[in-house]
Amino acid sequence: MRNITGKLIMAFVLLSAGLVAQGVEKNTPKDLNVFETPKTNYTFDKVKVKVGGDFALQFQAIDNSNDLNNLEKLRHDLNLPTANLRLNVQLAKGVDMQLVSYLSSRNHEESWVKGGFLAINNLDFIQEGLLADLMSKLTIKVGMDEFNYGDAHFRRTDNARGIYNPFVGNYIMDSFTTEAFGEVTYQNNGWIVVGGITNGMMNQLVLEKEAPYTDNTDNGLSFFGKLAYDKQLDAALRVRIAGSIYKSTGTTNGSNLYAGDRAGSRYYYVMEEKDASYRNAFSGRIQPKFSKMTAIQINPFIKYNNTEFFGMYEIVSDSDDEGGEELTQMAAELIQRMGSKDQYYIGARYNQVKGNIQAGADNIKVSRFNIGAGWFMTKNILTKLEYVHQKYDGKGYEGSKFQGGEFSGVNIEAVISF
């Protein structure tokens, strides 16, 4: 294992050096902890296209077990590298488009379009000075992409884009999906208000029903909103508190808030049964697909000098007439950044999900602990070292592969973004 790890680190360094030699510059440690894109003064002289990309590779040394002793044995080795292609296009003054494709992912080894959106921060393309005072605080966004529910999605790993995530994996319940949406964001003196609507569908379809899967055609709209306050109180202290809500109204759509990631999870093949006919690309996660879902997420964020705290309290449920299932997620992470440019960090995260995922079923509980460290080798290159331990408990898991289940081990990850 020592020889493999040494070769892996050397490969990371050589690949990173090749990118640096090409002059690639974008992300720095100072770009971290940005949530909604701040309003700024916009200039425009011609259409400009910025091509960006992300690359990630992990060495996984994780073992898993359960009471039934029927899990696949994992070896310590490399995962399939993942890659993103990002196009950012300035179309007019204050009018921008973004398009992201997954060139390679765990769930789709072939290229796959994640989504895209159009962001309007200025109406001068219609008439010079139109609603200038209002648009100095307002952003209108439309597209087929992720929308702004919760603060956790700003810090998550998006396939190969892991530079904003201090750890290797995302949360146990990963609130992320791509849907056709419209969203309005208002920012003024630290206050942020978001309101939006989606059609509740990840895969767009004009057929009345998706035969032969269902005869139910109860498709409804989904609504989301956020209220946040984000303020740099003095040179040392920044405080943010945000509350978000998502509400779906249909029984045949609007259920993908925690099952919309088409990239796959980072903990490869954990808790998979021997000789299983289906390989779960989202191992280690819980993905509730409740009908008429209501989700609420509260996120505190505090940064004092080089110490950061990010938390999450989340409740997701369906309506009583659909079964009344409910899950609660809690998470807390503490990061200490070090170095003259905050290029080093150490951190710990605790994450827990508990409740009942099926109507009438007993409760389950899944808990995860991460401890890790990272080094921004350059402005574009991050290497991570992480230990993870996840455990499954509760009567709801009795008789299943999760009874007495747990996995633990080490991940080494290299991330490049430009």
Foldseek 3Di string as FASTA:
>chain_A
DVVQVVVVVVVLVVVVVVVVVVVDFDFAPVPEPDFPDAFDFWDDDAKDKDKKKKKKKKFDDKAKAFPVRFADGDHTGIDDMWMKIKIWMDHDTQKIKIWMWTCQFLLDRHIGTQWMKIKHLDDVVVPPPVVVVQSSFKIKMWIFHWDDFDRQVSQAQQGRNNPRHQDQWGAQQQQTATFGKIKMWGDDPQKIKIKMKGQQDRDDDPDQDDPPVDPDRFGWMKIKMKIKGWDDPDPFKIKMKMKMKIWGDGQVGNQCRRPHRSRATRNARHLHGPPDPDGHRHPSHDRFRAGRKMKMKIWIWMGGHQKIKIWIWMKMFHDVVRQTWIKIKIKMKIKGFDDPRSQKIWMKMKIKMKTDRGHPAWMKMKIKIKTKMWGNPDSFKMKIKMKMKMAIDTPRCPPHSRHRMMMIDMMIMMMGID
